[in-house]
Amino acid sequence: HDPARIFAHAQSEYWVGYAAMQRDDIETARIAYDQYRNYGIQLAKLDPSNPAYLMEAGYGFQNVGSLDILRNRSDATTSKQFEQAASYFSKAISLDVHNEQYRLDLSEAKAWLADSYAIRSMHGPALRARAEQESILGQLLAKDPRNADYRQRVLLSQVASAQIQMTSGQLSQGTTLLRELYHQADMAYATDPNNAQHLQ
């Protein structure tokens, strides 16, 4: 029940999983990430008022779910991993409302969640998750309008939304959105041609 030791064990399991991912050893990665998630849950239970521990639990769920997405697989359990991650991240944000990294991580959980739905052709839930991601990023961008990383993330999320629309049969809406986004990207490059992120 020593949080410091549990945290240390959690980090060890994370890096085991990360190393396994670099070798494309998915099974070893899953075992390690499962354990990492379990340690995170323990930390969150031991001290639910510690936002860092809540974030660890969220990262654990997200890492487990990402293993499916990276293999282009998804089921209800996969989506549940990202829903749980988002829940933990949201709780952490409520305890540390000015932490922008937590909000960025929450936006990423929404992106993974959207992908988990899109793989299963659940277009409505996928678009809603993307809209939630864009809302979070929009709040961050409102505080830091010149942040190129935030702008790029919004753009990529909107492109993903357009692709979901087109896949779901909303060709006109998706195509229109993509044209608007390409125009925005061109305008952003014209404004700041030295920022290569606009072109990625």
N, C-alpha and C. Protein backbone atom coordinates (compact mmCIF):
# COMPACT_ATOMS: atom_id res chain seq x y z
N HIS A 1 0.81 -1.21 0.00
CA HIS A 1 0.00 0.00 0.00
C HIS A 1 0.85 1.27 0.00
N ASP A 2 2.10 1.16 -0.41
CA ASP A 2 2.99 2.31 -0.50
C ASP A 2 2.85 2.91 -1.90
N PRO A 3 2.22 4.08 -2.03
CA PRO A 3 2.00 4.66 -3.36
C PRO A 3 3.29 4.85 -4.15
N ALA A 4 4.37 5.24 -3.48
CA ALA A 4 5.62 5.46 -4.20
C ALA A 4 6.13 4.18 -4.85
N ARG A 5 6.03 3.06 -4.12
CA ARG A 5 6.48 1.79 -4.68
C ARG A 5 5.56 1.34 -5.81
N ILE A 6 4.26 1.51 -5.62
CA ILE A 6 3.31 1.13 -6.67
C ILE A 6 3.57 1.96 -7.93
N PHE A 7 3.81 3.26 -7.74
CA PHE A 7 4.10 4.13 -8.88
C PHE A 7 5.36 3.66 -9.61
N ALA A 8 6.38 3.29 -8.86
CA ALA A 8 7.63 2.81 -9.46
C ALA A 8 7.39 1.53 -10.25
N HIS A 9 6.60 0.62 -9.68
CA HIS A 9 6.27 -0.63 -10.39
C HIS A 9 5.49 -0.32 -11.67
N ALA A 10 4.59 0.64 -11.56
CA ALA A 10 3.78 1.02 -12.72
C ALA A 10 4.67 1.51 -13.86
N GLN A 11 5.63 2.37 -13.53
CA GLN A 11 6.52 2.90 -14.56
C GLN A 11 7.35 1.79 -15.20
N SER A 12 7.77 0.83 -14.38
CA SER A 12 8.54 -0.29 -14.91
C SER A 12 7.71 -1.09 -15.92
N GLU A 13 6.45 -1.36 -15.57
CA GLU A 13 5.58 -2.11 -16.48
C GLU A 13 5.31 -1.32 -17.76
N TYR A 14 5.16 -0.01 -17.60
CA TYR A 14 4.92 0.81 -18.79
C TYR A 14 6.08 0.67 -19.78
N TRP A 15 7.31 0.77 -19.27
CA TRP A 15 8.46 0.72 -20.17
C TRP A 15 8.67 -0.67 -20.76
N VAL A 16 8.30 -1.69 -20.00
CA VAL A 16 8.33 -3.05 -20.57
C VAL A 16 7.36 -3.12 -21.75
N GLY A 17 6.17 -2.58 -21.54
CA GLY A 17 5.18 -2.58 -22.61
C GLY A 17 5.62 -1.75 -23.80
N TYR A 18 6.20 -0.61 -23.52
CA TYR A 18 6.67 0.27 -24.60
C TYR A 18 7.75 -0.42 -25.43
N ALA A 19 8.70 -1.06 -24.74
CA ALA A 19 9.77 -1.76 -25.45
C ALA A 19 9.21 -2.89 -26.30
N ALA A 20 8.22 -3.60 -25.77
CA ALA A 20 7.59 -4.68 -26.52
C ALA A 20 6.89 -4.15 -27.76
N MET A 21 6.26 -2.98 -27.64
CA MET A 21 5.60 -2.38 -28.79
C MET A 21 6.60 -2.05 -29.89
N GLN A 22 7.78 -1.60 -29.50
CA GLN A 22 8.81 -1.29 -30.50
C GLN A 22 9.25 -2.52 -31.26
N ARG A 23 9.08 -3.69 -30.63
CA ARG A 23 9.44 -4.96 -31.28
C ARG A 23 8.24 -5.61 -31.95
N ASP A 24 7.08 -4.92 -31.91
CA ASP A 24 5.83 -5.49 -32.44
C ASP A 24 5.43 -6.75 -31.70
N ASP A 25 5.83 -6.85 -30.45
CA ASP A 25 5.45 -7.98 -29.60
C ASP A 25 4.19 -7.57 -28.83
N ILE A 26 3.06 -7.71 -29.49
CA ILE A 26 1.80 -7.21 -28.94
C ILE A 26 1.39 -7.95 -27.68
N GLU A 27 1.62 -9.26 -27.64
CA GLU A 27 1.18 -10.03 -26.48
C GLU A 27 1.93 -9.62 -25.21
N THR A 28 3.25 -9.46 -25.34
CA THR A 28 4.03 -9.01 -24.18
C THR A 28 3.60 -7.60 -23.78
N ALA A 29 3.35 -6.76 -24.76
CA ALA A 29 2.91 -5.40 -24.49
C ALA A 29 1.58 -5.40 -23.75
N ARG A 30 0.67 -6.26 -24.17
CA ARG A 30 -0.64 -6.31 -23.52
C ARG A 30 -0.52 -6.74 -22.06
N ILE A 31 0.31 -7.73 -21.79
CA ILE A 31 0.50 -8.19 -20.41
C ILE A 31 1.04 -7.05 -19.55
N ALA A 32 2.05 -6.36 -20.08
CA ALA A 32 2.66 -5.27 -19.32
C ALA A 32 1.70 -4.11 -19.14
N TYR A 33 0.98 -3.75 -20.21
CA TYR A 33 0.04 -2.64 -20.11
C TYR A 33 -1.15 -2.96 -19.20
N ASP A 34 -1.56 -4.22 -19.21
CA ASP A 34 -2.61 -4.63 -18.27
C ASP A 34 -2.15 -4.40 -16.83
N GLN A 35 -0.92 -4.78 -16.56
CA GLN A 35 -0.39 -4.61 -15.21
C GLN A 35 -0.20 -3.13 -14.88
N TYR A 36 0.26 -2.37 -15.86
CA TYR A 36 0.40 -0.93 -15.68
C TYR A 36 -0.95 -0.30 -15.33
N ARG A 37 -1.97 -0.71 -16.05
CA ARG A 37 -3.33 -0.21 -15.76
C ARG A 37 -3.76 -0.59 -14.35
N ASN A 38 -3.49 -1.82 -13.96
CA ASN A 38 -3.88 -2.27 -12.62
C ASN A 38 -3.19 -1.47 -11.52
N TYR A 39 -1.91 -1.18 -11.72
CA TYR A 39 -1.20 -0.35 -10.75
C TYR A 39 -1.80 1.06 -10.69
N GLY A 40 -2.18 1.58 -11.86
CA GLY A 40 -2.79 2.89 -11.90
C GLY A 40 -4.11 2.93 -11.14
N ILE A 41 -4.89 1.88 -11.29
CA ILE A 41 -6.16 1.79 -10.57
C ILE A 41 -5.91 1.75 -9.06
N GLN A 42 -4.88 1.00 -8.67
CA GLN A 42 -4.53 0.95 -7.24
C GLN A 42 -4.17 2.34 -6.71
N LEU A 43 -3.37 3.06 -7.47
CA LEU A 43 -2.97 4.40 -7.05
C LEU A 43 -4.18 5.32 -6.90
N ALA A 44 -5.08 5.24 -7.87
CA ALA A 44 -6.26 6.10 -7.83
C ALA A 44 -7.15 5.78 -6.64
N LYS A 45 -7.20 4.50 -6.27
CA LYS A 45 -8.00 4.10 -5.12
C LYS A 45 -7.34 4.53 -3.81
N LEU A 46 -6.01 4.44 -3.77
CA LEU A 46 -5.29 4.81 -2.55
C LEU A 46 -5.39 6.31 -2.26
N ASP A 47 -5.35 7.11 -3.33
CA ASP A 47 -5.40 8.56 -3.13
C ASP A 47 -6.18 9.20 -4.26
N PRO A 48 -7.51 9.13 -4.22
CA PRO A 48 -8.34 9.68 -5.30
C PRO A 48 -8.31 11.19 -5.40
N SER A 49 -7.65 11.85 -4.45
CA SER A 49 -7.54 13.31 -4.50
C SER A 49 -6.24 13.74 -5.16
N ASN A 50 -5.45 12.78 -5.60
CA ASN A 50 -4.17 13.08 -6.24
C ASN A 50 -4.37 13.00 -7.76
N PRO A 51 -4.39 14.14 -8.45
CA PRO A 51 -4.66 14.11 -9.89
C PRO A 51 -3.62 13.34 -10.69
N ALA A 52 -2.38 13.33 -10.24
CA ALA A 52 -1.33 12.60 -10.95
C ALA A 52 -1.63 11.10 -10.96
N TYR A 53 -2.16 10.59 -9.84
CA TYR A 53 -2.51 9.17 -9.77
C TYR A 53 -3.71 8.85 -10.65
N LEU A 54 -4.67 9.77 -10.68
CA LEU A 54 -5.82 9.59 -11.57
C LEU A 54 -5.38 9.55 -13.03
N MET A 55 -4.42 10.39 -13.37
CA MET A 55 -3.91 10.40 -14.74
C MET A 55 -3.22 9.08 -15.06
N GLU A 56 -2.47 8.52 -14.09
CA GLU A 56 -1.80 7.24 -14.33
C GLU A 56 -2.82 6.15 -14.64
N ALA A 57 -3.92 6.15 -13.89
CA ALA A 57 -4.98 5.16 -14.15
C ALA A 57 -5.52 5.36 -15.56
N GLY A 58 -5.76 6.61 -15.94
CA GLY A 58 -6.26 6.89 -17.28
C GLY A 58 -5.31 6.46 -18.37
N TYR A 59 -4.03 6.74 -18.17
CA TYR A 59 -3.03 6.32 -19.15
C TYR A 59 -3.04 4.80 -19.32
N GLY A 60 -3.22 4.10 -18.20
CA GLY A 60 -3.24 2.64 -18.27
C GLY A 60 -4.36 2.13 -19.14
N PHE A 61 -5.56 2.66 -18.94
CA PHE A 61 -6.70 2.24 -19.77
C PHE A 61 -6.46 2.60 -21.23
N GLN A 62 -5.93 3.79 -21.46
CA GLN A 62 -5.71 4.23 -22.84
C GLN A 62 -4.67 3.37 -23.54
N ASN A 63 -3.61 3.01 -22.85
CA ASN A 63 -2.58 2.17 -23.47
C ASN A 63 -3.12 0.80 -23.85
N VAL A 64 -3.93 0.23 -22.98
CA VAL A 64 -4.52 -1.08 -23.29
C VAL A 64 -5.41 -0.99 -24.52
N GLY A 65 -6.26 0.03 -24.56
CA GLY A 65 -7.14 0.18 -25.71
C GLY A 65 -6.39 0.45 -27.01
N SER A 66 -5.30 1.20 -26.90
CA SER A 66 -4.55 1.56 -28.11
C SER A 66 -3.97 0.34 -28.82
N LEU A 67 -3.73 -0.73 -28.08
CA LEU A 67 -3.18 -1.95 -28.70
C LEU A 67 -4.14 -2.49 -29.75
N ASP A 68 -5.44 -2.39 -29.50
CA ASP A 68 -6.42 -2.84 -30.48
C ASP A 68 -6.45 -1.90 -31.69
N ILE A 69 -6.49 -0.60 -31.43
CA ILE A 69 -6.59 0.37 -32.52
C ILE A 69 -5.40 0.29 -33.45
N LEU A 70 -4.22 0.11 -32.88
CA LEU A 70 -3.01 0.04 -33.71
C LEU A 70 -3.00 -1.17 -34.63
N ARG A 71 -3.83 -2.17 -34.29
CA ARG A 71 -3.99 -3.33 -35.17
C ARG A 71 -5.30 -3.25 -35.96
N ASN A 72 -5.90 -2.05 -35.97
CA ASN A 72 -7.15 -1.80 -36.68
C ASN A 72 -8.26 -2.74 -36.21
N ARG A 73 -8.29 -2.99 -34.90
CA ARG A 73 -9.33 -3.81 -34.30
C ARG A 73 -10.07 -3.00 -33.24
N SER A 74 -11.31 -3.33 -33.03
CA SER A 74 -12.07 -2.64 -31.99
C SER A 74 -13.34 -3.40 -31.68
N ASP A 75 -13.71 -3.40 -30.41
CA ASP A 75 -15.01 -3.92 -29.99
C ASP A 75 -15.48 -3.06 -28.82
N ALA A 76 -16.56 -3.46 -28.19
CA ALA A 76 -17.11 -2.64 -27.11
C ALA A 76 -16.12 -2.48 -25.97
N THR A 77 -15.32 -3.52 -25.73
CA THR A 77 -14.32 -3.44 -24.66
C THR A 77 -13.25 -2.41 -24.98
N THR A 78 -12.88 -2.32 -26.25
CA THR A 78 -11.89 -1.33 -26.66
C THR A 78 -12.39 0.08 -26.36
N SER A 79 -13.62 0.35 -26.77
CA SER A 79 -14.19 1.68 -26.52
C SER A 79 -14.27 1.96 -25.03
N LYS A 80 -14.59 0.92 -24.26
CA LYS A 80 -14.70 1.11 -22.81
C LYS A 80 -13.38 1.55 -22.20
N GLN A 81 -12.26 1.07 -22.74
CA GLN A 81 -10.96 1.48 -22.23
C GLN A 81 -10.78 2.99 -22.33
N PHE A 82 -11.18 3.53 -23.48
CA PHE A 82 -11.01 4.97 -23.70
C PHE A 82 -12.04 5.78 -22.91
N GLU A 83 -13.22 5.23 -22.73
CA GLU A 83 -14.22 5.90 -21.90
C GLU A 83 -13.72 6.00 -20.45
N GLN A 84 -13.11 4.92 -19.97
CA GLN A 84 -12.56 4.93 -18.62
C GLN A 84 -11.39 5.90 -18.51
N ALA A 85 -10.55 5.91 -19.54
CA ALA A 85 -9.42 6.86 -19.55
C ALA A 85 -9.94 8.29 -19.47
N ALA A 86 -10.93 8.60 -20.29
CA ALA A 86 -11.50 9.95 -20.30
C ALA A 86 -12.11 10.30 -18.95
N SER A 87 -12.72 9.33 -18.31
CA SER A 87 -13.33 9.56 -17.00
C SER A 87 -12.27 9.91 -15.96
N TYR A 88 -11.19 9.17 -15.94
CA TYR A 88 -10.10 9.47 -15.00
C TYR A 88 -9.47 10.82 -15.31
N PHE A 89 -9.26 11.11 -16.58
CA PHE A 89 -8.67 12.39 -16.95
C PHE A 89 -9.57 13.55 -16.52
N SER A 90 -10.87 13.37 -16.70
CA SER A 90 -11.82 14.42 -16.32
C SER A 90 -11.79 14.67 -14.81
N LYS A 91 -11.68 13.59 -14.05
CA LYS A 91 -11.59 13.73 -12.59
C LYS A 91 -10.32 14.47 -12.20
N ALA A 92 -9.23 14.15 -12.88
CA ALA A 92 -7.96 14.83 -12.58
C ALA A 92 -8.07 16.32 -12.91
N ILE A 93 -8.72 16.64 -14.01
CA ILE A 93 -8.89 18.04 -14.40
C ILE A 93 -9.71 18.80 -13.36
N SER A 94 -10.72 18.11 -12.80
CA SER A 94 -11.54 18.77 -11.79
C SER A 94 -10.74 19.13 -10.54
N LEU A 95 -9.63 18.42 -10.34
CA LEU A 95 -8.76 18.68 -9.18
C LEU A 95 -7.62 19.63 -9.52
N ASP A 96 -7.36 19.80 -10.78
CA ASP A 96 -6.27 20.69 -11.22
C ASP A 96 -6.74 21.38 -12.50
N VAL A 97 -7.62 22.34 -12.33
CA VAL A 97 -8.36 22.91 -13.46
C VAL A 97 -7.48 23.70 -14.43
N HIS A 98 -6.31 24.11 -14.00
CA HIS A 98 -5.45 24.92 -14.86
C HIS A 98 -4.38 24.10 -15.58
N ASN A 99 -4.44 22.78 -15.42
CA ASN A 99 -3.42 21.93 -16.03
C ASN A 99 -3.79 21.68 -17.50
N GLU A 100 -3.09 22.34 -18.40
CA GLU A 100 -3.40 22.21 -19.82
C GLU A 100 -3.01 20.85 -20.38
N GLN A 101 -1.96 20.23 -19.83
CA GLN A 101 -1.57 18.91 -20.32
C GLN A 101 -2.66 17.88 -20.05
N TYR A 102 -3.31 17.97 -18.91
CA TYR A 102 -4.40 17.05 -18.61
C TYR A 102 -5.52 17.19 -19.65
N ARG A 103 -5.82 18.43 -20.02
CA ARG A 103 -6.87 18.67 -21.01
C ARG A 103 -6.44 18.15 -22.38
N LEU A 104 -5.17 18.30 -22.69
CA LEU A 104 -4.67 17.77 -23.96
C LEU A 104 -4.77 16.25 -23.97
N ASP A 105 -4.45 15.62 -22.84
CA ASP A 105 -4.57 14.17 -22.75
C ASP A 105 -6.02 13.72 -22.87
N LEU A 106 -6.93 14.50 -22.31
CA LEU A 106 -8.36 14.17 -22.43
C LEU A 106 -8.78 14.25 -23.90
N SER A 107 -8.28 15.25 -24.61
CA SER A 107 -8.62 15.36 -26.03
C SER A 107 -8.10 14.15 -26.81
N GLU A 108 -6.93 13.64 -26.43
CA GLU A 108 -6.39 12.46 -27.08
C GLU A 108 -7.24 11.22 -26.80
N ALA A 109 -7.73 11.12 -25.57
CA ALA A 109 -8.61 9.98 -25.24
C ALA A 109 -9.87 10.01 -26.10
N LYS A 110 -10.40 11.21 -26.34
CA LYS A 110 -11.58 11.34 -27.20
C LYS A 110 -11.25 10.95 -28.64
N ALA A 111 -10.03 11.25 -29.08
CA ALA A 111 -9.63 10.87 -30.43
C ALA A 111 -9.54 9.34 -30.56
N TRP A 112 -8.91 8.70 -29.56
CA TRP A 112 -8.85 7.24 -29.57
C TRP A 112 -10.26 6.64 -29.53
N LEU A 113 -11.12 7.22 -28.71
CA LEU A 113 -12.50 6.74 -28.60
C LEU A 113 -13.20 6.84 -29.95
N ALA A 114 -13.01 7.97 -30.63
CA ALA A 114 -13.61 8.14 -31.95
C ALA A 114 -13.12 7.07 -32.91
N ASP A 115 -11.82 6.78 -32.89
CA ASP A 115 -11.28 5.74 -33.77
C ASP A 115 -11.87 4.38 -33.45
N SER A 116 -12.07 4.10 -32.15
CA SER A 116 -12.62 2.80 -31.76
C SER A 116 -14.04 2.63 -32.30
N TYR A 117 -14.79 3.72 -32.39
CA TYR A 117 -16.13 3.66 -32.97
C TYR A 117 -16.06 3.58 -34.49
N ALA A 118 -15.18 4.37 -35.09
CA ALA A 118 -15.10 4.43 -36.55
C ALA A 118 -14.73 3.08 -37.14
N ILE A 119 -13.83 2.35 -36.48
CA ILE A 119 -13.43 1.03 -36.96
C ILE A 119 -14.63 0.10 -37.05
N ARG A 120 -15.58 0.29 -36.14
CA ARG A 120 -16.80 -0.55 -36.13
C ARG A 120 -17.94 0.08 -36.93
N SER A 121 -17.63 1.11 -37.70
CA SER A 121 -18.62 1.82 -38.51
C SER A 121 -19.75 2.42 -37.68
N MET A 122 -19.43 2.79 -36.42
CA MET A 122 -20.38 3.49 -35.56
C MET A 122 -20.15 4.99 -35.77
N HIS A 123 -20.67 5.49 -36.89
CA HIS A 123 -20.31 6.82 -37.34
C HIS A 123 -20.82 7.93 -36.42
N GLY A 124 -22.04 7.78 -35.91
CA GLY A 124 -22.59 8.80 -35.02
C GLY A 124 -21.76 8.99 -33.77
N PRO A 125 -21.51 7.93 -33.01
CA PRO A 125 -20.66 8.06 -31.82
C PRO A 125 -19.25 8.54 -32.15
N ALA A 126 -18.72 8.12 -33.30
CA ALA A 126 -17.38 8.56 -33.69
C ALA A 126 -17.35 10.06 -33.92
N LEU A 127 -18.36 10.58 -34.60
CA LEU A 127 -18.41 12.02 -34.86
C LEU A 127 -18.62 12.81 -33.56
N ARG A 128 -19.41 12.25 -32.64
CA ARG A 128 -19.61 12.95 -31.37
C ARG A 128 -18.32 13.01 -30.56
N ALA A 129 -17.56 11.92 -30.58
CA ALA A 129 -16.28 11.91 -29.86
C ALA A 129 -15.31 12.90 -30.48
N ARG A 130 -15.31 12.98 -31.81
CA ARG A 130 -14.44 13.96 -32.47
C ARG A 130 -14.86 15.39 -32.13
N ALA A 131 -16.17 15.62 -32.06
CA ALA A 131 -16.66 16.95 -31.70
C ALA A 131 -16.24 17.31 -30.28
N GLU A 132 -16.27 16.32 -29.39
CA GLU A 132 -15.83 16.56 -28.01
C GLU A 132 -14.34 16.88 -27.97
N GLN A 133 -13.57 16.16 -28.78
CA GLN A 133 -12.13 16.44 -28.86
C GLN A 133 -11.89 17.86 -29.34
N GLU A 134 -12.59 18.26 -30.40
CA GLU A 134 -12.40 19.59 -30.96
C GLU A 134 -12.83 20.68 -29.98
N SER A 135 -13.84 20.39 -29.18
CA SER A 135 -14.29 21.35 -28.17
C SER A 135 -13.20 21.59 -27.13
N ILE A 136 -12.58 20.51 -26.67
CA ILE A 136 -11.51 20.62 -25.68
C ILE A 136 -10.33 21.40 -26.27
N LEU A 137 -9.95 21.05 -27.49
CA LEU A 137 -8.85 21.74 -28.14
C LEU A 137 -9.19 23.21 -28.39
N GLY A 138 -10.45 23.46 -28.70
CA GLY A 138 -10.87 24.84 -28.92
C GLY A 138 -10.71 25.68 -27.67
N GLN A 139 -10.99 25.09 -26.52
CA GLN A 139 -10.82 25.80 -25.25
C GLN A 139 -9.34 26.11 -25.00
N LEU A 140 -8.48 25.14 -25.33
CA LEU A 140 -7.04 25.37 -25.17
C LEU A 140 -6.56 26.45 -26.14
N LEU A 141 -7.06 26.38 -27.36
CA LEU A 141 -6.64 27.33 -28.39
C LEU A 141 -7.11 28.75 -28.07
N ALA A 142 -8.26 28.85 -27.42
CA ALA A 142 -8.77 30.17 -27.04
C ALA A 142 -7.83 30.86 -26.06
N LYS A 143 -7.16 30.06 -25.23
CA LYS A 143 -6.21 30.62 -24.26
C LYS A 143 -4.84 30.89 -24.90
N ASP A 144 -4.55 30.16 -25.98
CA ASP A 144 -3.23 30.30 -26.61
C ASP A 144 -3.41 30.23 -28.13
N PRO A 145 -3.96 31.29 -28.73
CA PRO A 145 -4.34 31.28 -30.16
C PRO A 145 -3.19 31.02 -31.12
N ARG A 146 -1.98 31.29 -30.72
CA ARG A 146 -0.85 31.13 -31.63
C ARG A 146 -0.15 29.78 -31.47
N ASN A 147 -0.74 28.90 -30.68
CA ASN A 147 -0.14 27.59 -30.44
C ASN A 147 -0.32 26.70 -31.68
N ALA A 148 0.77 26.48 -32.41
CA ALA A 148 0.70 25.72 -33.65
C ALA A 148 0.33 24.26 -33.42
N ASP A 149 0.77 23.70 -32.30
CA ASP A 149 0.44 22.31 -31.99
C ASP A 149 -1.06 22.15 -31.80
N TYR A 150 -1.69 23.06 -31.07
CA TYR A 150 -3.14 23.00 -30.88
C TYR A 150 -3.86 23.14 -32.21
N ARG A 151 -3.41 24.08 -33.03
CA ARG A 151 -4.07 24.30 -34.32
C ARG A 151 -3.98 23.06 -35.20
N GLN A 152 -2.80 22.43 -35.16
CA GLN A 152 -2.62 21.23 -35.97
C GLN A 152 -3.52 20.10 -35.49
N ARG A 153 -3.64 19.95 -34.18
CA ARG A 153 -4.49 18.90 -33.63
C ARG A 153 -5.96 19.12 -34.00
N VAL A 154 -6.39 20.37 -33.96
CA VAL A 154 -7.77 20.68 -34.37
C VAL A 154 -7.97 20.31 -35.83
N LEU A 155 -7.03 20.70 -36.66
CA LEU A 155 -7.12 20.42 -38.09
C LEU A 155 -7.19 18.93 -38.36
N LEU A 156 -6.32 18.16 -37.71
CA LEU A 156 -6.31 16.71 -37.92
C LEU A 156 -7.61 16.07 -37.45
N SER A 157 -8.16 16.57 -36.35
CA SER A 157 -9.42 16.03 -35.86
C SER A 157 -10.55 16.33 -36.83
N GLN A 158 -10.54 17.53 -37.40
CA GLN A 158 -11.57 17.89 -38.37
C GLN A 158 -11.45 17.08 -39.65
N VAL A 159 -10.22 16.80 -40.06
CA VAL A 159 -10.01 15.93 -41.22
C VAL A 159 -10.58 14.54 -40.94
N ALA A 160 -10.33 14.03 -39.73
CA ALA A 160 -10.86 12.73 -39.36
C ALA A 160 -12.39 12.74 -39.38
N SER A 161 -12.99 13.84 -38.91
CA SER A 161 -14.45 13.96 -38.94
C SER A 161 -14.97 13.94 -40.37
N ALA A 162 -14.28 14.64 -41.25
CA ALA A 162 -14.68 14.65 -42.66
C ALA A 162 -14.59 13.25 -43.27
N GLN A 163 -13.56 12.52 -42.91
CA GLN A 163 -13.40 11.16 -43.43
C GLN A 163 -14.52 10.25 -42.92
N ILE A 164 -14.91 10.44 -41.65
CA ILE A 164 -16.02 9.66 -41.09
C ILE A 164 -17.31 9.99 -41.84
N GLN A 165 -17.54 11.26 -42.11
CA GLN A 165 -18.73 11.66 -42.85
C GLN A 165 -18.77 11.01 -44.22
N MET A 166 -17.65 11.01 -44.91
CA MET A 166 -17.60 10.44 -46.25
C MET A 166 -17.79 8.94 -46.21
N THR A 167 -17.20 8.28 -45.23
CA THR A 167 -17.35 6.83 -45.09
C THR A 167 -18.79 6.45 -44.78
N SER A 168 -19.49 7.31 -44.03
CA SER A 168 -20.86 7.02 -43.63
C SER A 168 -21.88 7.34 -44.72
N GLY A 169 -21.39 7.86 -45.87
CA GLY A 169 -22.29 8.17 -46.97
C GLY A 169 -22.62 9.64 -47.09
N GLN A 170 -22.12 10.46 -46.15
CA GLN A 170 -22.36 11.91 -46.21
C GLN A 170 -21.26 12.55 -47.07
N LEU A 171 -21.24 12.17 -48.35
CA LEU A 171 -20.16 12.59 -49.23
C LEU A 171 -20.11 14.10 -49.41
N SER A 172 -21.27 14.71 -49.58
CA SER A 172 -21.30 16.15 -49.80
C SER A 172 -20.76 16.92 -48.60
N GLN A 173 -21.24 16.54 -47.40
CA GLN A 173 -20.79 17.22 -46.18
C GLN A 173 -19.30 17.01 -45.95
N GLY A 174 -18.84 15.76 -46.11
CA GLY A 174 -17.44 15.45 -45.89
C GLY A 174 -16.53 16.16 -46.87
N THR A 175 -16.93 16.18 -48.14
CA THR A 175 -16.13 16.82 -49.17
C THR A 175 -16.05 18.33 -48.94
N THR A 176 -17.19 18.92 -48.57
CA THR A 176 -17.22 20.36 -48.29
C THR A 176 -16.30 20.71 -47.12
N LEU A 177 -16.36 19.90 -46.08
CA LEU A 177 -15.52 20.14 -44.91
C LEU A 177 -14.05 20.03 -45.27
N LEU A 178 -13.70 19.02 -46.07
CA LEU A 178 -12.30 18.85 -46.46
C LEU A 178 -11.81 20.05 -47.27
N ARG A 179 -12.63 20.55 -48.16
CA ARG A 179 -12.23 21.73 -48.95
C ARG A 179 -11.98 22.93 -48.03
N GLU A 180 -12.86 23.10 -47.05
CA GLU A 180 -12.69 24.21 -46.11
C GLU A 180 -11.40 24.06 -45.31
N LEU A 181 -11.10 22.82 -44.93
CA LEU A 181 -9.90 22.58 -44.13
C LEU A 181 -8.63 22.81 -44.94
N TYR A 182 -8.65 22.37 -46.19
CA TYR A 182 -7.48 22.61 -47.04
C TYR A 182 -7.26 24.11 -47.24
N HIS A 183 -8.37 24.84 -47.36
CA HIS A 183 -8.26 26.30 -47.49
C HIS A 183 -7.67 26.90 -46.23
N GLN A 184 -8.12 26.43 -45.07
CA GLN A 184 -7.58 26.92 -43.80
C GLN A 184 -6.09 26.62 -43.68
N ALA A 185 -5.71 25.41 -44.11
CA ALA A 185 -4.29 25.03 -44.03
C ALA A 185 -3.45 25.92 -44.94
N ASP A 186 -3.97 26.22 -46.14
CA ASP A 186 -3.25 27.10 -47.06
C ASP A 186 -3.10 28.49 -46.47
N MET A 187 -4.18 28.98 -45.85
CA MET A 187 -4.13 30.31 -45.24
C MET A 187 -3.13 30.34 -44.08
N ALA A 188 -3.12 29.26 -43.30
CA ALA A 188 -2.20 29.19 -42.16
C ALA A 188 -0.76 29.19 -42.66
N TYR A 189 -0.51 28.47 -43.75
CA TYR A 189 0.85 28.43 -44.30
C TYR A 189 1.25 29.79 -44.86
N ALA A 190 0.29 30.45 -45.50
CA ALA A 190 0.59 31.76 -46.06
C ALA A 190 0.92 32.76 -44.96
N THR A 191 0.27 32.59 -43.81
CA THR A 191 0.50 33.47 -42.67
C THR A 191 1.84 33.19 -42.01
N ASP A 192 2.21 31.89 -41.97
CA ASP A 192 3.43 31.50 -41.27
C ASP A 192 4.13 30.40 -42.06
N PRO A 193 4.76 30.71 -43.20
CA PRO A 193 5.36 29.69 -44.07
C PRO A 193 6.51 28.92 -43.43
N ASN A 194 7.08 29.45 -42.36
CA ASN A 194 8.20 28.77 -41.72
C ASN A 194 7.76 27.67 -40.78
N ASN A 195 6.46 27.59 -40.51
CA ASN A 195 5.96 26.59 -39.57
C ASN A 195 5.56 25.35 -40.35
N ALA A 196 6.44 24.36 -40.36
CA ALA A 196 6.21 23.15 -41.14
C ALA A 196 5.05 22.34 -40.64
N GLN A 197 4.63 22.56 -39.39
CA GLN A 197 3.54 21.76 -38.83
C GLN A 197 2.25 21.95 -39.62
N HIS A 198 2.07 23.11 -40.25
CA HIS A 198 0.85 23.35 -41.01
C HIS A 198 0.74 22.38 -42.18
N LEU A 199 1.86 21.86 -42.63
CA LEU A 199 1.86 21.02 -43.83
C LEU A 199 1.82 19.55 -43.52
N GLN A 200 1.97 19.17 -42.28
CA GLN A 200 2.05 17.75 -41.93
C GLN A 200 0.68 17.10 -41.96
